[in-house]
């Protein structure tokens, strides 16, 4: 009888220990599931603002005056990503003015991605691209003045 109790006690102990698990991996899976999806480019921001289409209004968001600029970012739930962006040509004119136009080239990049809190990091094998996630938007800040770009915003 004591042997049976002893075996039941050990078996119960094993069940209790086995029922306790590390949920850290589940949290990252949940974060990945919540961030995964297809995001469209909604802002391509420049500094200083420009009157790209010569309508008398300056803007910092290229998309408001140059609708040929498009972009897509797909964060897959398997930890891979791909983005496509219309190439934009930037030419310095004079006095801080720039001419921006779309080219026929499309940039495609891909790689793996991770998320930690609101930070989404894309890695293409050579470089990291660090985005901040806010609800259904992903923002990457380059912080460059023209002829570079200040930031990009993608929305799901």
N, C-alpha and C. Protein backbone atom coordinates (compact mmCIF):
# COMPACT_ATOMS: atom_id res chain seq x y z
N UNK A 1 0.82 -1.19 0.00
CA UNK A 1 0.00 0.00 0.00
C UNK A 1 0.87 1.26 0.00
N UNK A 2 1.94 1.26 0.79
CA UNK A 2 2.85 2.40 0.82
C UNK A 2 3.51 2.60 -0.53
N UNK A 3 3.82 1.51 -1.22
CA UNK A 3 4.43 1.60 -2.53
C UNK A 3 3.48 2.28 -3.51
N UNK A 4 2.20 1.93 -3.44
CA UNK A 4 1.21 2.52 -4.34
C UNK A 4 1.08 4.02 -4.06
N UNK A 5 1.05 4.41 -2.79
CA UNK A 5 0.96 5.83 -2.44
C UNK A 5 2.20 6.57 -2.93
N UNK A 6 3.34 5.96 -2.75
CA UNK A 6 4.60 6.56 -3.18
C UNK A 6 4.61 6.76 -4.69
N UNK A 7 4.16 5.77 -5.44
CA UNK A 7 4.10 5.88 -6.91
C UNK A 7 3.10 6.96 -7.31
N UNK A 8 1.93 7.00 -6.66
CA UNK A 8 0.94 8.03 -6.96
C UNK A 8 1.47 9.42 -6.63
N UNK A 9 2.21 9.54 -5.54
CA UNK A 9 2.78 10.83 -5.16
C UNK A 9 3.80 11.30 -6.20
N UNK A 10 4.67 10.41 -6.63
CA UNK A 10 5.66 10.74 -7.66
C UNK A 10 4.97 11.09 -8.97
N UNK A 11 3.97 10.31 -9.36
CA UNK A 11 3.23 10.56 -10.60
C UNK A 11 2.54 11.93 -10.53
N UNK A 12 1.93 12.26 -9.39
CA UNK A 12 1.27 13.56 -9.22
C UNK A 12 2.28 14.70 -9.32
N UNK A 13 3.44 14.50 -8.71
CA UNK A 13 4.49 15.51 -8.77
C UNK A 13 4.93 15.75 -10.21
N UNK A 14 5.11 14.68 -10.96
CA UNK A 14 5.51 14.79 -12.37
C UNK A 14 4.44 15.54 -13.17
N UNK A 15 3.17 15.25 -12.91
CA UNK A 15 2.10 15.95 -13.61
C UNK A 15 2.10 17.44 -13.29
N UNK A 16 2.31 17.79 -12.04
CA UNK A 16 2.33 19.20 -11.64
C UNK A 16 3.50 19.92 -12.30
N UNK A 17 4.67 19.32 -12.27
CA UNK A 17 5.85 19.93 -12.90
C UNK A 17 5.65 20.03 -14.40
N UNK A 18 5.11 19.02 -15.01
CA UNK A 18 4.89 19.02 -16.46
C UNK A 18 3.86 20.04 -16.90
N UNK A 19 2.91 20.36 -16.02
CA UNK A 19 1.87 21.32 -16.36
C UNK A 19 2.39 22.75 -16.36
N UNK A 20 3.47 22.99 -15.64
CA UNK A 20 4.08 24.31 -15.62
C UNK A 20 4.97 24.44 -16.83
N UNK A 21 4.77 25.49 -17.60
CA UNK A 21 5.59 25.67 -18.79
C UNK A 21 6.03 27.11 -18.90
N UNK A 22 6.96 27.34 -19.76
CA UNK A 22 7.46 28.67 -20.03
C UNK A 22 6.61 29.26 -21.15
N UNK A 23 5.85 30.31 -20.84
CA UNK A 23 4.96 30.91 -21.82
C UNK A 23 5.62 32.01 -22.63
N UNK A 24 6.92 32.24 -22.45
CA UNK A 24 7.59 33.30 -23.18
C UNK A 24 7.49 33.11 -24.68
N UNK A 25 7.63 31.88 -25.15
CA UNK A 25 7.55 31.64 -26.59
C UNK A 25 6.16 31.93 -27.12
N UNK A 26 5.12 31.63 -26.33
CA UNK A 26 3.76 31.90 -26.75
C UNK A 26 3.52 33.38 -26.96
N UNK A 27 4.13 34.22 -26.11
CA UNK A 27 3.96 35.66 -26.25
C UNK A 27 4.54 36.14 -27.58
N UNK A 28 5.72 35.66 -27.96
CA UNK A 28 6.31 36.11 -29.22
C UNK A 28 5.49 35.62 -30.41
N UNK A 29 4.92 34.41 -30.28
CA UNK A 29 4.06 33.91 -31.35
C UNK A 29 2.83 34.80 -31.47
N UNK A 30 2.27 35.22 -30.32
CA UNK A 30 1.12 36.12 -30.36
C UNK A 30 1.48 37.46 -30.97
N UNK A 31 2.65 38.01 -30.62
CA UNK A 31 3.09 39.28 -31.21
C UNK A 31 3.23 39.15 -32.71
N UNK A 32 3.83 38.06 -33.16
CA UNK A 32 4.00 37.84 -34.60
C UNK A 32 2.64 37.74 -35.28
N UNK A 33 1.72 37.00 -34.68
CA UNK A 33 0.39 36.86 -35.27
C UNK A 33 -0.32 38.21 -35.35
N UNK A 34 -0.16 39.04 -34.33
CA UNK A 34 -0.83 40.35 -34.32
C UNK A 34 -0.21 41.33 -35.31
N UNK A 35 1.08 41.20 -35.57
CA UNK A 35 1.76 42.14 -36.49
C UNK A 35 1.75 41.67 -37.93
N UNK A 36 1.55 40.38 -38.16
CA UNK A 36 1.60 39.84 -39.52
C UNK A 36 0.50 40.46 -40.38
N UNK A 37 0.80 40.59 -41.66
CA UNK A 37 -0.21 41.09 -42.58
C UNK A 37 0.41 41.90 -43.70
N UNK A 38 -0.47 42.43 -44.53
CA UNK A 38 -0.06 43.21 -45.69
C UNK A 38 -0.25 44.70 -45.37
N UNK A 39 0.81 45.47 -45.53
CA UNK A 39 0.80 46.89 -45.23
C UNK A 39 1.05 47.68 -46.51
N UNK A 40 0.26 48.73 -46.72
CA UNK A 40 0.43 49.60 -47.89
C UNK A 40 1.14 50.88 -47.47
N UNK A 41 2.00 51.38 -48.34
CA UNK A 41 2.68 52.65 -48.09
C UNK A 41 1.66 53.78 -48.12
N UNK A 42 1.57 54.55 -47.02
CA UNK A 42 0.63 55.68 -46.98
C UNK A 42 1.35 57.01 -46.85
N UNK A 43 2.63 56.98 -46.46
CA UNK A 43 3.42 58.21 -46.38
C UNK A 43 4.87 57.92 -46.77
N UNK A 44 5.41 58.79 -47.59
CA UNK A 44 6.84 58.83 -47.88
C UNK A 44 7.24 60.28 -47.62
N UNK A 45 7.80 60.53 -46.47
CA UNK A 45 8.03 61.90 -46.00
C UNK A 45 9.42 62.41 -46.33
N UNK A 46 9.45 63.70 -46.70
CA UNK A 46 10.70 64.37 -47.06
C UNK A 46 10.87 65.62 -46.23
N UNK A 47 12.09 66.09 -46.18
CA UNK A 47 12.40 67.34 -45.50
C UNK A 47 13.50 68.04 -46.28
N UNK A 48 13.35 69.28 -46.66
CA UNK A 48 12.22 70.16 -46.41
C UNK A 48 11.05 69.85 -47.34
N UNK A 49 9.82 70.29 -46.95
CA UNK A 49 8.66 70.09 -47.81
C UNK A 49 8.88 70.71 -49.19
N UNK A 50 8.24 70.12 -50.20
CA UNK A 50 8.41 70.57 -51.58
C UNK A 50 7.05 70.69 -52.27
N UNK A 51 7.00 71.50 -53.31
CA UNK A 51 5.83 71.58 -54.20
C UNK A 51 6.14 70.70 -55.40
N UNK A 52 5.91 69.43 -55.26
CA UNK A 52 6.33 68.44 -56.26
C UNK A 52 5.58 68.58 -57.58
N UNK A 53 4.26 68.85 -57.50
CA UNK A 53 3.46 68.93 -58.73
C UNK A 53 3.18 70.36 -59.17
N UNK A 54 3.90 71.33 -58.58
CA UNK A 54 3.80 72.74 -58.97
C UNK A 54 2.39 73.32 -58.88
N UNK A 55 1.65 72.92 -57.83
CA UNK A 55 0.31 73.45 -57.65
C UNK A 55 0.27 74.60 -56.64
N UNK A 56 1.45 75.02 -56.16
CA UNK A 56 1.52 76.11 -55.20
C UNK A 56 1.49 75.67 -53.75
N UNK A 57 1.30 74.38 -53.51
CA UNK A 57 1.25 73.85 -52.14
C UNK A 57 2.45 72.94 -51.89
N UNK A 58 3.14 73.19 -50.79
CA UNK A 58 4.25 72.30 -50.43
C UNK A 58 3.73 71.21 -49.50
N UNK A 59 4.41 70.09 -49.51
CA UNK A 59 4.04 68.97 -48.66
C UNK A 59 5.29 68.21 -48.26
N UNK A 60 5.21 67.55 -47.13
CA UNK A 60 6.31 66.67 -46.73
C UNK A 60 6.01 65.23 -47.12
N UNK A 61 4.74 64.91 -47.46
CA UNK A 61 4.37 63.56 -47.88
C UNK A 61 4.33 63.48 -49.40
N UNK A 62 5.31 62.82 -49.97
CA UNK A 62 5.44 62.71 -51.43
C UNK A 62 4.18 62.13 -52.06
N UNK A 63 3.50 61.20 -51.38
CA UNK A 63 2.34 60.53 -51.96
C UNK A 63 1.19 61.48 -52.26
N UNK A 64 1.10 62.62 -51.56
CA UNK A 64 0.00 63.55 -51.82
C UNK A 64 0.16 64.28 -53.15
N UNK A 65 1.38 64.37 -53.67
CA UNK A 65 1.61 65.09 -54.92
C UNK A 65 2.23 64.22 -56.01
N UNK A 66 2.56 63.00 -55.70
CA UNK A 66 3.18 62.10 -56.67
C UNK A 66 2.54 60.72 -56.52
N UNK A 67 1.29 60.57 -57.05
CA UNK A 67 0.54 59.33 -56.82
C UNK A 67 1.15 58.08 -57.47
N UNK A 68 2.14 58.24 -58.32
CA UNK A 68 2.77 57.06 -58.93
C UNK A 68 3.66 56.31 -57.94
N UNK A 69 3.95 56.92 -56.79
CA UNK A 69 4.75 56.24 -55.76
C UNK A 69 3.86 55.25 -55.02
N UNK A 70 4.25 53.99 -55.04
CA UNK A 70 3.51 52.95 -54.34
C UNK A 70 4.49 52.07 -53.58
N UNK A 71 3.97 51.41 -52.59
CA UNK A 71 4.79 50.49 -51.82
C UNK A 71 3.92 49.50 -51.07
N UNK A 72 4.48 48.34 -50.84
CA UNK A 72 3.77 47.29 -50.13
C UNK A 72 4.77 46.54 -49.25
N UNK A 73 4.38 46.23 -48.04
CA UNK A 73 5.19 45.46 -47.12
C UNK A 73 4.34 44.33 -46.59
N UNK A 74 4.80 43.10 -46.78
CA UNK A 74 4.08 41.93 -46.31
C UNK A 74 4.90 41.24 -45.23
N UNK A 75 4.39 41.26 -43.99
CA UNK A 75 5.00 40.54 -42.88
C UNK A 75 4.28 39.21 -42.75
N UNK A 76 4.96 38.16 -43.11
CA UNK A 76 4.34 36.83 -43.07
C UNK A 76 4.46 36.23 -41.67
N UNK A 77 3.50 35.42 -41.31
CA UNK A 77 3.48 34.82 -39.97
C UNK A 77 4.59 33.79 -39.78
N UNK A 78 5.26 33.39 -40.85
CA UNK A 78 6.38 32.44 -40.72
C UNK A 78 7.70 33.15 -40.42
N UNK A 79 7.65 34.48 -40.20
CA UNK A 79 8.85 35.24 -39.85
C UNK A 79 9.60 35.78 -41.04
N UNK A 80 9.03 35.69 -42.23
CA UNK A 80 9.65 36.25 -43.44
C UNK A 80 8.87 37.48 -43.89
N UNK A 81 9.54 38.34 -44.65
CA UNK A 81 8.90 39.55 -45.16
C UNK A 81 9.35 39.81 -46.59
N UNK A 82 8.54 40.61 -47.28
CA UNK A 82 8.91 41.10 -48.61
C UNK A 82 8.30 42.49 -48.77
N UNK A 83 9.07 43.40 -49.36
CA UNK A 83 8.50 44.70 -49.68
C UNK A 83 8.84 45.06 -51.11
N UNK A 84 7.93 45.84 -51.69
CA UNK A 84 8.14 46.38 -53.03
C UNK A 84 7.87 47.88 -52.95
N UNK A 85 8.74 48.65 -53.59
CA UNK A 85 8.60 50.10 -53.60
C UNK A 85 8.91 50.63 -54.99
N UNK A 86 8.13 51.60 -55.43
CA UNK A 86 8.43 52.31 -56.67
C UNK A 86 9.68 53.16 -56.43
N UNK A 87 10.62 53.05 -57.34
CA UNK A 87 11.83 53.89 -57.23
C UNK A 87 11.45 55.34 -57.51
N UNK A 88 11.99 56.23 -56.72
CA UNK A 88 11.75 57.66 -56.87
C UNK A 88 13.06 58.36 -57.18
N UNK A 89 13.04 59.16 -58.24
CA UNK A 89 14.22 59.93 -58.62
C UNK A 89 14.14 61.31 -57.96
N UNK A 90 15.24 61.72 -57.34
CA UNK A 90 15.31 63.03 -56.69
C UNK A 90 16.48 63.79 -57.29
N UNK A 91 16.17 64.96 -57.87
CA UNK A 91 17.19 65.79 -58.50
C UNK A 91 17.18 67.17 -57.87
N UNK A 92 18.34 67.64 -57.45
CA UNK A 92 18.46 68.98 -56.88
C UNK A 92 18.32 70.01 -58.00
N UNK A 93 17.48 71.02 -57.76
CA UNK A 93 17.30 72.08 -58.76
C UNK A 93 18.15 73.27 -58.36
N UNK A 94 17.68 74.05 -57.40
CA UNK A 94 18.44 75.19 -56.88
C UNK A 94 17.72 75.73 -55.65
N UNK A 95 18.45 76.38 -54.76
CA UNK A 95 17.85 77.04 -53.61
C UNK A 95 17.04 76.13 -52.71
N UNK A 96 17.43 74.89 -52.55
CA UNK A 96 16.71 73.96 -51.70
C UNK A 96 15.52 73.30 -52.36
N UNK A 97 15.31 73.56 -53.64
CA UNK A 97 14.21 72.92 -54.38
C UNK A 97 14.72 71.64 -55.04
N UNK A 98 13.83 70.67 -55.11
CA UNK A 98 14.16 69.38 -55.71
C UNK A 98 13.06 68.97 -56.67
N UNK A 99 13.45 68.23 -57.70
CA UNK A 99 12.50 67.64 -58.64
C UNK A 99 12.39 66.16 -58.29
N UNK A 100 11.18 65.70 -58.01
CA UNK A 100 10.94 64.29 -57.69
C UNK A 100 10.05 63.68 -58.76
N UNK A 101 10.38 62.47 -59.16
CA UNK A 101 9.56 61.76 -60.14
C UNK A 101 9.69 60.26 -59.91
N UNK A 102 8.72 59.53 -60.41
CA UNK A 102 8.76 58.07 -60.33
C UNK A 102 9.57 57.53 -61.50
N UNK A 103 10.26 56.44 -61.25
CA UNK A 103 10.93 55.74 -62.34
C UNK A 103 10.12 54.49 -62.64
N UNK A 104 10.53 53.76 -63.64
CA UNK A 104 9.83 52.51 -63.96
C UNK A 104 10.38 51.34 -63.13
N UNK A 105 11.38 51.62 -62.30
CA UNK A 105 12.00 50.55 -61.50
C UNK A 105 11.23 50.31 -60.21
N UNK A 106 11.17 49.05 -59.82
CA UNK A 106 10.57 48.63 -58.57
C UNK A 106 11.66 47.97 -57.73
N UNK A 107 11.80 48.41 -56.49
CA UNK A 107 12.74 47.78 -55.57
C UNK A 107 12.01 46.69 -54.81
N UNK A 108 12.58 45.51 -54.79
CA UNK A 108 12.03 44.40 -54.01
C UNK A 108 13.09 43.93 -53.04
N UNK A 109 12.72 43.82 -51.80
CA UNK A 109 13.62 43.29 -50.76
C UNK A 109 12.85 42.25 -49.97
N UNK A 110 13.60 41.35 -49.35
CA UNK A 110 12.97 40.33 -48.52
C UNK A 110 13.96 39.85 -47.47
N UNK A 111 13.45 39.12 -46.51
CA UNK A 111 14.29 38.57 -45.46
C UNK A 111 13.45 38.06 -44.32
N UNK A 112 14.00 38.13 -43.11
CA UNK A 112 13.30 37.67 -41.91
C UNK A 112 12.97 38.88 -41.03
N UNK A 113 12.00 38.69 -40.15
CA UNK A 113 11.61 39.77 -39.26
C UNK A 113 11.31 39.26 -37.86
N UNK A 114 11.47 40.17 -36.90
CA UNK A 114 11.15 39.88 -35.50
C UNK A 114 10.39 41.06 -34.92
N UNK A 115 9.74 40.80 -33.81
CA UNK A 115 9.03 41.87 -33.10
C UNK A 115 9.31 41.72 -31.62
N UNK A 116 9.49 42.86 -30.97
CA UNK A 116 9.65 42.90 -29.52
C UNK A 116 8.93 44.16 -29.04
N UNK A 117 7.81 43.96 -28.38
CA UNK A 117 6.99 45.10 -27.99
C UNK A 117 6.46 45.80 -29.22
N UNK A 118 6.78 47.09 -29.37
CA UNK A 118 6.31 47.83 -30.55
C UNK A 118 7.42 48.02 -31.59
N UNK A 119 8.53 47.31 -31.42
CA UNK A 119 9.66 47.41 -32.36
C UNK A 119 9.67 46.22 -33.31
N UNK A 120 9.54 46.50 -34.60
CA UNK A 120 9.60 45.47 -35.64
C UNK A 120 10.91 45.66 -36.39
N UNK A 121 11.70 44.60 -36.47
CA UNK A 121 12.99 44.66 -37.14
C UNK A 121 12.98 43.73 -38.34
N UNK A 122 13.24 44.31 -39.51
CA UNK A 122 13.38 43.52 -40.74
C UNK A 122 14.87 43.36 -41.01
N UNK A 123 15.26 42.16 -41.42
CA UNK A 123 16.66 41.89 -41.75
C UNK A 123 16.70 41.27 -43.14
N UNK A 124 17.50 41.85 -44.04
CA UNK A 124 17.56 41.36 -45.42
C UNK A 124 18.84 40.58 -45.72
N UNK A 125 19.56 40.20 -44.69
CA UNK A 125 20.82 39.48 -44.88
C UNK A 125 22.03 40.38 -44.76
N UNK A 126 21.82 41.68 -44.87
CA UNK A 126 22.93 42.64 -44.77
C UNK A 126 22.60 43.80 -43.85
N UNK A 127 21.35 44.23 -43.83
CA UNK A 127 20.95 45.42 -43.07
C UNK A 127 19.70 45.16 -42.25
N UNK A 128 19.59 45.90 -41.15
CA UNK A 128 18.37 45.92 -40.35
C UNK A 128 17.56 47.15 -40.72
N UNK A 129 16.25 46.99 -40.75
CA UNK A 129 15.31 48.09 -40.94
C UNK A 129 14.41 48.10 -39.71
N UNK A 130 14.51 49.15 -38.90
CA UNK A 130 13.81 49.20 -37.62
C UNK A 130 12.56 50.06 -37.71
N UNK A 131 11.42 49.42 -37.53
CA UNK A 131 10.12 50.06 -37.58
C UNK A 131 9.53 50.15 -36.18
N UNK A 132 8.69 51.16 -35.98
CA UNK A 132 7.89 51.26 -34.77
C UNK A 132 6.46 50.94 -35.15
N UNK A 133 5.83 50.03 -34.41
CA UNK A 133 4.45 49.63 -34.67
C UNK A 133 3.53 50.41 -33.74
N UNK A 134 2.51 51.03 -34.31
CA UNK A 134 1.48 51.73 -33.55
C UNK A 134 0.14 51.35 -34.15
N UNK A 135 -0.59 50.49 -33.44
CA UNK A 135 -1.85 49.94 -33.94
C UNK A 135 -1.59 49.24 -35.27
N UNK A 136 -2.19 49.71 -36.35
CA UNK A 136 -2.02 49.08 -37.66
C UNK A 136 -1.03 49.82 -38.55
N UNK A 137 -0.16 50.62 -37.96
CA UNK A 137 0.84 51.36 -38.74
C UNK A 137 2.25 50.96 -38.34
N UNK A 138 3.11 50.91 -39.35
CA UNK A 138 4.54 50.68 -39.16
C UNK A 138 5.28 51.89 -39.70
N UNK A 139 6.15 52.48 -38.89
CA UNK A 139 6.89 53.68 -39.29
C UNK A 139 8.38 53.42 -39.18
N UNK A 140 9.09 53.77 -40.24
CA UNK A 140 10.55 53.73 -40.20
C UNK A 140 11.05 55.15 -40.40
N UNK A 141 11.92 55.58 -39.53
CA UNK A 141 12.46 56.94 -39.60
C UNK A 141 13.91 56.86 -40.06
N UNK A 142 14.16 57.44 -41.23
CA UNK A 142 15.53 57.53 -41.74
C UNK A 142 16.19 58.80 -41.23
N UNK A 143 15.39 59.87 -41.12
CA UNK A 143 15.89 61.13 -40.60
C UNK A 143 16.77 61.91 -41.55
N UNK A 144 16.72 61.57 -42.84
CA UNK A 144 17.55 62.25 -43.83
C UNK A 144 16.80 63.41 -44.48
N UNK A 145 17.51 64.47 -44.77
CA UNK A 145 16.96 65.56 -45.58
C UNK A 145 17.13 65.19 -47.05
N UNK A 146 16.37 65.89 -47.91
CA UNK A 146 16.52 65.66 -49.35
C UNK A 146 17.97 65.85 -49.75
N UNK A 147 18.48 65.05 -50.62
CA UNK A 147 17.81 64.10 -51.51
C UNK A 147 17.45 62.77 -50.86
N UNK A 148 17.66 62.61 -49.56
CA UNK A 148 17.24 61.40 -48.85
C UNK A 148 15.80 61.54 -48.37
N UNK A 149 15.32 60.53 -47.69
CA UNK A 149 13.95 60.53 -47.19
C UNK A 149 13.94 60.57 -45.67
N UNK A 150 12.94 61.24 -45.12
CA UNK A 150 12.83 61.38 -43.67
C UNK A 150 12.20 60.14 -43.04
N UNK A 151 11.06 59.68 -43.58
CA UNK A 151 10.38 58.53 -43.00
C UNK A 151 9.40 57.91 -43.99
N UNK A 152 9.02 56.66 -43.68
CA UNK A 152 7.99 55.96 -44.43
C UNK A 152 6.99 55.39 -43.44
N UNK A 153 5.71 55.44 -43.80
CA UNK A 153 4.66 54.88 -42.96
C UNK A 153 3.86 53.91 -43.81
N UNK A 154 3.69 52.70 -43.28
CA UNK A 154 2.88 51.66 -43.92
C UNK A 154 1.68 51.39 -43.02
N UNK A 155 0.53 51.10 -43.64
CA UNK A 155 -0.68 50.83 -42.86
C UNK A 155 -1.34 49.55 -43.35
N UNK A 156 -1.82 48.76 -42.38
CA UNK A 156 -2.51 47.51 -42.69
C UNK A 156 -3.98 47.77 -42.83
